[in-house]
Each structure stands twice: as structure tokens, then as C-alpha cells.
Amino acid sequence: MLLDRSLYFRVLEHCLDVIEGTPAEDQPFPHILLKHVFPDDVYHGLLEAFPPDCTLGERATRK
């Protein structure tokens, strides 16, 4: 999946929407937990492009 200009702006807009819509947590320390930060099609494309687990060693797991 090549990162063309339209894809870049679509991913950027999606990420910013997720960040803006995520409430800040105070406990046990200030933080946010981002879920679904990439559009589904982009996330699945990233998983497909990722090297196989066997090339990453024993600790690599894919969910």
C-alpha cells in the first residue's frame, strides 16, 4: 500500500478524530488510550505488509 497524498490526509484526519474523541484519564497517572487509531483498511494493510512472525524471533506475536 503506497502512501499517496489522499491516503495520507485520510489517515491523518482519522487519527486526529480518534485523538480528539478520546477522553484523558488521570489514574494512575495522566494518559490516554487510543483505540482504532488507523482506519480499518489501513490497519489490515499494515498487518499484511508486516514481516512473518518467524523473521522476528520468539517474542513476536500477531493479534
PDB file of N, CA and C in Angstrom:
ATOM      1  N   MET A   1       0.858  -1.173   0.000  1.00  0.00           N
ATOM      2  CA  MET A   1       0.000   0.000   0.000  1.00  0.00           C
ATOM      3  C   MET A   1       0.906   1.239   0.000  1.00  0.00           C
ATOM      4  N   LEU A   2       0.885   1.962  -1.068  1.00  0.00           N
ATOM      5  CA  LEU A   2       1.670   3.188  -1.151  1.00  0.00           C
ATOM      6  C   LEU A   2       0.951   4.316  -0.436  1.00  0.00           C
ATOM      7  N   LEU A   3       1.717   5.198   0.141  1.00  0.00           N
ATOM      8  CA  LEU A   3       1.133   6.322   0.861  1.00  0.00           C
ATOM      9  C   LEU A   3       1.033   7.520  -0.076  1.00  0.00           C
ATOM     10  N   ASP A   4      -0.071   7.578  -0.805  1.00  0.00           N
ATOM     11  CA  ASP A   4      -0.273   8.734  -1.667  1.00  0.00           C
ATOM     12  C   ASP A   4      -0.866   9.873  -0.843  1.00  0.00           C
ATOM     13  N   ARG A   5      -0.945  11.015  -1.445  1.00  0.00           N
ATOM     14  CA  ARG A   5      -1.388  12.220  -0.734  1.00  0.00           C
ATOM     15  C   ARG A   5      -2.795  12.076  -0.143  1.00  0.00           C
ATOM     16  N   SER A   6      -3.721  11.508  -0.896  1.00  0.00           N
ATOM     17  CA  SER A   6      -5.093  11.375  -0.392  1.00  0.00           C
ATOM     18  C   SER A   6      -5.160  10.384   0.776  1.00  0.00           C
ATOM     19  N   LEU A   7      -4.389   9.303   0.698  1.00  0.00           N
ATOM     20  CA  LEU A   7      -4.351   8.340   1.793  1.00  0.00           C
ATOM     21  C   LEU A   7      -3.729   8.980   3.030  1.00  0.00           C
ATOM     22  N   TYR A   8      -2.663   9.728   2.841  1.00  0.00           N
ATOM     23  CA  TYR A   8      -2.014  10.422   3.956  1.00  0.00           C
ATOM     24  C   TYR A   8      -3.020  11.308   4.698  1.00  0.00           C
ATOM     25  N   PHE A   9      -3.763  12.126   3.957  1.00  0.00           N
ATOM     26  CA  PHE A   9      -4.708  13.036   4.599  1.00  0.00           C
ATOM     27  C   PHE A   9      -5.888  12.295   5.216  1.00  0.00           C
ATOM     28  N   ARG A  10      -6.302  11.189   4.618  1.00  0.00           N
ATOM     29  CA  ARG A  10      -7.388  10.386   5.196  1.00  0.00           C
ATOM     30  C   ARG A  10      -6.945   9.770   6.521  1.00  0.00           C
ATOM     31  N   VAL A  11      -5.725   9.230   6.559  1.00  0.00           N
ATOM     32  CA  VAL A  11      -5.206   8.638   7.790  1.00  0.00           C
ATOM     33  C   VAL A  11      -4.995   9.723   8.845  1.00  0.00           C
ATOM     34  N   LEU A  12      -4.433  10.848   8.446  1.00  0.00           N
ATOM     35  CA  LEU A  12      -4.211  11.954   9.383  1.00  0.00           C
ATOM     36  C   LEU A  12      -5.526  12.428   9.990  1.00  0.00           C
ATOM     37  N   GLU A  13      -6.541  12.630   9.160  1.00  0.00           N
ATOM     38  CA  GLU A  13      -7.843  13.085   9.657  1.00  0.00           C
ATOM     39  C   GLU A  13      -8.447  12.059  10.614  1.00  0.00           C
ATOM     40  N   HIS A  14      -8.347  10.780  10.254  1.00  0.00           N
ATOM     41  CA  HIS A  14      -8.882   9.724  11.115  1.00  0.00           C
ATOM     42  C   HIS A  14      -8.162   9.726  12.467  1.00  0.00           C
ATOM     43  N   CYS A  15      -6.832   9.776  12.447  1.00  0.00           N
ATOM     44  CA  CYS A  15      -6.046   9.776  13.689  1.00  0.00           C
ATOM     45  C   CYS A  15      -6.396  10.973  14.566  1.00  0.00           C
ATOM     46  N   LEU A  16      -6.497  12.137  13.967  1.00  0.00           N
ATOM     47  CA  LEU A  16      -6.839  13.336  14.738  1.00  0.00           C
ATOM     48  C   LEU A  16      -8.237  13.225  15.345  1.00  0.00           C
ATOM     49  N   ASP A  17      -9.187  12.670  14.595  1.00  0.00           N
ATOM     50  CA  ASP A  17     -10.540  12.465  15.131  1.00  0.00           C
ATOM     51  C   ASP A  17     -10.514  11.525  16.324  1.00  0.00           C
ATOM     52  N   VAL A  18      -9.734  10.445  16.222  1.00  0.00           N
ATOM     53  CA  VAL A  18      -9.635   9.497  17.332  1.00  0.00           C
ATOM     54  C   VAL A  18      -9.018  10.179  18.550  1.00  0.00           C
ATOM     55  N   ILE A  19      -7.942  10.914  18.346  1.00  0.00           N
ATOM     56  CA  ILE A  19      -7.281  11.602  19.456  1.00  0.00           C
ATOM     57  C   ILE A  19      -8.218  12.608  20.107  1.00  0.00           C
ATOM     58  N   GLU A  20      -8.891  13.412  19.296  1.00  0.00           N
ATOM     59  CA  GLU A  20      -9.803  14.422  19.835  1.00  0.00           C
ATOM     60  C   GLU A  20     -10.992  13.803  20.566  1.00  0.00           C
ATOM     61  N   GLY A  21     -11.408  12.610  20.151  1.00  0.00           N
ATOM     62  CA  GLY A  21     -12.557  11.960  20.762  1.00  0.00           C
ATOM     63  C   GLY A  21     -12.217  11.052  21.928  1.00  0.00           C
ATOM     64  N   THR A  22     -10.957  11.006  22.307  1.00  0.00           N
ATOM     65  CA  THR A  22     -10.520  10.128  23.388  1.00  0.00           C
ATOM     66  C   THR A  22     -10.391  10.918  24.682  1.00  0.00           C
ATOM     67  N   PRO A  23     -11.120  10.513  25.714  1.00  0.00           N
ATOM     68  CA  PRO A  23     -11.021  11.242  26.984  1.00  0.00           C
ATOM     69  C   PRO A  23      -9.683  10.973  27.672  1.00  0.00           C
ATOM     70  N   ALA A  24      -9.180  11.983  28.339  1.00  0.00           N
ATOM     71  CA  ALA A  24      -7.959  11.836  29.134  1.00  0.00           C
ATOM     72  C   ALA A  24      -8.302  11.139  30.446  1.00  0.00           C
ATOM     73  N   GLU A  25      -7.419  10.293  30.892  1.00  0.00           N
ATOM     74  CA  GLU A  25      -7.559   9.592  32.174  1.00  0.00           C
ATOM     75  C   GLU A  25      -6.544  10.175  33.146  1.00  0.00           C
ATOM     76  N   ASP A  26      -6.898  10.199  34.417  1.00  0.00           N
ATOM     77  CA  ASP A  26      -5.996  10.742  35.436  1.00  0.00           C
ATOM     78  C   ASP A  26      -5.325   9.665  36.288  1.00  0.00           C
ATOM     79  N   GLN A  27      -5.902   8.482  36.341  1.00  0.00           N
ATOM     80  CA  GLN A  27      -5.392   7.447  37.239  1.00  0.00           C
ATOM     81  C   GLN A  27      -4.840   6.277  36.446  1.00  0.00           C
ATOM     82  N   PRO A  28      -3.770   5.678  36.795  1.00  0.00           N
ATOM     83  CA  PRO A  28      -2.926   6.012  37.937  1.00  0.00           C
ATOM     84  C   PRO A  28      -1.983   7.186  37.656  1.00  0.00           C
ATOM     85  N   PHE A  29      -2.022   7.683  36.429  1.00  0.00           N
ATOM     86  CA  PHE A  29      -1.233   8.848  36.021  1.00  0.00           C
ATOM     87  C   PHE A  29      -1.925   9.417  34.790  1.00  0.00           C
ATOM     88  N   PRO A  30      -1.679  10.664  34.421  1.00  0.00           N
ATOM     89  CA  PRO A  30      -2.332  11.233  33.235  1.00  0.00           C
ATOM     90  C   PRO A  30      -1.938  10.463  31.959  1.00  0.00           C
ATOM     91  N   HIS A  31      -2.963  10.044  31.203  1.00  0.00           N
ATOM     92  CA  HIS A  31      -2.705   9.308  29.967  1.00  0.00           C
ATOM     93  C   HIS A  31      -3.977   9.252  29.120  1.00  0.00           C
ATOM     94  N   ILE A  32      -3.803   8.810  27.877  1.00  0.00           N
ATOM     95  CA  ILE A  32      -4.933   8.474  27.018  1.00  0.00           C
ATOM     96  C   ILE A  32      -4.665   7.095  26.421  1.00  0.00           C
ATOM     97  N   LEU A  33      -5.718   6.385  26.110  1.00  0.00           N
ATOM     98  CA  LEU A  33      -5.621   5.080  25.482  1.00  0.00           C
ATOM     99  C   LEU A  33      -6.316   5.182  24.131  1.00  0.00           C
ATOM    100  N   LEU A  34      -5.536   5.128  23.075  1.00  0.00           N
ATOM    101  CA  LEU A  34      -6.090   5.267  21.728  1.00  0.00           C
ATOM    102  C   LEU A  34      -6.484   3.905  21.188  1.00  0.00           C
ATOM    103  N   LYS A  35      -7.729   3.796  20.740  1.00  0.00           N
ATOM    104  CA  LYS A  35      -8.230   2.567  20.139  1.00  0.00           C
ATOM    105  C   LYS A  35      -8.636   2.867  18.701  1.00  0.00           C
ATOM    106  N   HIS A  36      -8.371   1.930  17.832  1.00  0.00           N
ATOM    107  CA  HIS A  36      -8.734   2.053  16.408  1.00  0.00           C
ATOM    108  C   HIS A  36      -8.144   3.331  15.805  1.00  0.00           C
ATOM    109  N   VAL A  37      -6.861   3.543  16.059  1.00  0.00           N
ATOM    110  CA  VAL A  37      -6.216   4.794  15.644  1.00  0.00           C
ATOM    111  C   VAL A  37      -6.054   4.886  14.124  1.00  0.00           C
ATOM    112  N   PHE A  38      -6.002   3.750  13.437  1.00  0.00           N
ATOM    113  CA  PHE A  38      -5.921   3.753  11.974  1.00  0.00           C
ATOM    114  C   PHE A  38      -7.252   3.292  11.384  1.00  0.00           C
ATOM    115  N   PRO A  39      -7.611   3.787  10.197  1.00  0.00           N
ATOM    116  CA  PRO A  39      -8.787   3.232   9.519  1.00  0.00           C
ATOM    117  C   PRO A  39      -8.593   1.722   9.327  1.00  0.00           C
ATOM    118  N   ASP A  40      -9.682   0.964   9.366  1.00  0.00           N
ATOM    119  CA  ASP A  40      -9.594  -0.493   9.293  1.00  0.00           C
ATOM    120  C   ASP A  40      -8.807  -0.989   8.086  1.00  0.00           C
ATOM    121  N   ASP A  41      -9.057  -0.422   6.910  1.00  0.00           N
ATOM    122  CA  ASP A  41      -8.361  -0.904   5.714  1.00  0.00           C
ATOM    123  C   ASP A  41      -6.861  -0.636   5.799  1.00  0.00           C
ATOM    124  N   VAL A  42      -6.476   0.478   6.385  1.00  0.00           N
ATOM    125  CA  VAL A  42      -5.058   0.801   6.532  1.00  0.00           C
ATOM    126  C   VAL A  42      -4.416  -0.136   7.546  1.00  0.00           C
ATOM    127  N   TYR A  43      -5.095  -0.372   8.657  1.00  0.00           N
ATOM    128  CA  TYR A  43      -4.574  -1.279   9.681  1.00  0.00           C
ATOM    129  C   TYR A  43      -4.354  -2.674   9.109  1.00  0.00           C
ATOM    130  N   HIS A  44      -5.332  -3.186   8.373  1.00  0.00           N
ATOM    131  CA  HIS A  44      -5.191  -4.519   7.793  1.00  0.00           C
ATOM    132  C   HIS A  44      -4.080  -4.540   6.740  1.00  0.00           C
ATOM    133  N   GLY A  45      -3.917  -3.447   6.003  1.00  0.00           N
ATOM    134  CA  GLY A  45      -2.810  -3.348   5.044  1.00  0.00           C
ATOM    135  C   GLY A  45      -1.460  -3.361   5.740  1.00  0.00           C
ATOM    136  N   LEU A  46      -1.376  -2.701   6.888  1.00  0.00           N
ATOM    137  CA  LEU A  46      -0.134  -2.721   7.669  1.00  0.00           C
ATOM    138  C   LEU A  46       0.179  -4.134   8.157  1.00  0.00           C
ATOM    139  N   LEU A  47      -0.835  -4.834   8.634  1.00  0.00           N
ATOM    140  CA  LEU A  47      -0.622  -6.214   9.088  1.00  0.00           C
ATOM    141  C   LEU A  47      -0.145  -7.105   7.948  1.00  0.00           C
ATOM    142  N   GLU A  48      -0.723  -6.929   6.782  1.00  0.00           N
ATOM    143  CA  GLU A  48      -0.326  -7.732   5.622  1.00  0.00           C
ATOM    144  C   GLU A  48       1.113  -7.445   5.191  1.00  0.00           C
ATOM    145  N   ALA A  49       1.555  -6.210   5.354  1.00  0.00           N
ATOM    146  CA  ALA A  49       2.901  -5.813   4.937  1.00  0.00           C
ATOM    147  C   ALA A  49       3.968  -6.145   5.975  1.00  0.00           C
ATOM    148  N   PHE A  50       3.543  -6.479   7.200  1.00  0.00           N
ATOM    149  CA  PHE A  50       4.468  -6.763   8.273  1.00  0.00           C
ATOM    150  C   PHE A  50       5.160  -8.095   8.007  1.00  0.00           C
ATOM    151  N   PRO A  51       6.434  -8.218   8.349  1.00  0.00           N
ATOM    152  CA  PRO A  51       7.138  -9.488   8.112  1.00  0.00           C
ATOM    153  C   PRO A  51       6.502 -10.640   8.891  1.00  0.00           C
ATOM    154  N   PRO A  52       6.663 -11.856   8.392  1.00  0.00           N
ATOM    155  CA  PRO A  52       6.122 -13.013   9.113  1.00  0.00           C
ATOM    156  C   PRO A  52       6.744 -13.126  10.502  1.00  0.00           C
ATOM    157  N   ASP A  53       6.002 -13.720  11.430  1.00  0.00           N
ATOM    158  CA  ASP A  53       6.475 -13.873  12.803  1.00  0.00           C
ATOM    159  C   ASP A  53       7.830 -14.572  12.881  1.00  0.00           C
ATOM    160  N   CYS A  54       8.065 -15.538  12.008  1.00  0.00           N
ATOM    161  CA  CYS A  54       9.304 -16.313  12.091  1.00  0.00           C
ATOM    162  C   CYS A  54      10.541 -15.450  11.843  1.00  0.00           C
ATOM    163  N   THR A  55      10.391 -14.325  11.195  1.00  0.00           N
ATOM    164  CA  THR A  55      11.542 -13.457  10.937  1.00  0.00           C
ATOM    165  C   THR A  55      11.823 -12.514  12.096  1.00  0.00           C
ATOM    166  N   LEU A  56      10.916 -12.476  13.072  1.00  0.00           N
ATOM    167  CA  LEU A  56      11.056 -11.538  14.171  1.00  0.00           C
ATOM    168  C   LEU A  56      11.527 -12.183  15.473  1.00  0.00           C
ATOM    169  N   GLY A  57      11.625 -13.479  15.513  1.00  0.00           N
ATOM    170  CA  GLY A  57      12.073 -14.144  16.729  1.00  0.00           C
ATOM    171  C   GLY A  57      10.926 -14.697  17.542  1.00  0.00           C
ATOM    172  N   GLU A  58      11.262 -15.268  18.691  1.00  0.00           N
ATOM    173  CA  GLU A  58      10.285 -15.963  19.521  1.00  0.00           C
ATOM    174  C   GLU A  58       9.260 -15.058  20.167  1.00  0.00           C
ATOM    175  N   ARG A  59       9.623 -13.807  20.463  1.00  0.00           N
ATOM    176  CA  ARG A  59       8.706 -12.919  21.193  1.00  0.00           C
ATOM    177  C   ARG A  59       7.621 -12.320  20.317  1.00  0.00           C
ATOM    178  N   ALA A  60       7.729 -12.475  19.022  1.00  0.00           N
ATOM    179  CA  ALA A  60       6.763 -11.845  18.111  1.00  0.00           C
ATOM    180  C   ALA A  60       5.436 -12.592  18.141  1.00  0.00           C
ATOM    181  N   THR A  61       4.372 -11.836  18.340  1.00  0.00           N
ATOM    182  CA  THR A  61       3.013 -12.388  18.226  1.00  0.00           C
ATOM    183  C   THR A  61       2.169 -11.388  17.475  1.00  0.00           C
ATOM    184  N   ARG A  62       1.247 -11.897  16.718  1.00  0.00           N
ATOM    185  CA  ARG A  62       0.352 -11.059  15.941  1.00  0.00           C
ATOM    186  C   ARG A  62      -1.065 -11.324  16.386  1.00  0.00           C
ATOM    187  N   LYS A  63      -1.798 -10.248  16.698  1.00  0.00           N
ATOM    188  CA  LYS A  63      -3.180 -10.412  17.158  1.00  0.00           C
ATOM    189  C   LYS A  63      -4.132  -9.939  16.107  1.00  0.00           C
TER     190      LYS A  63
END
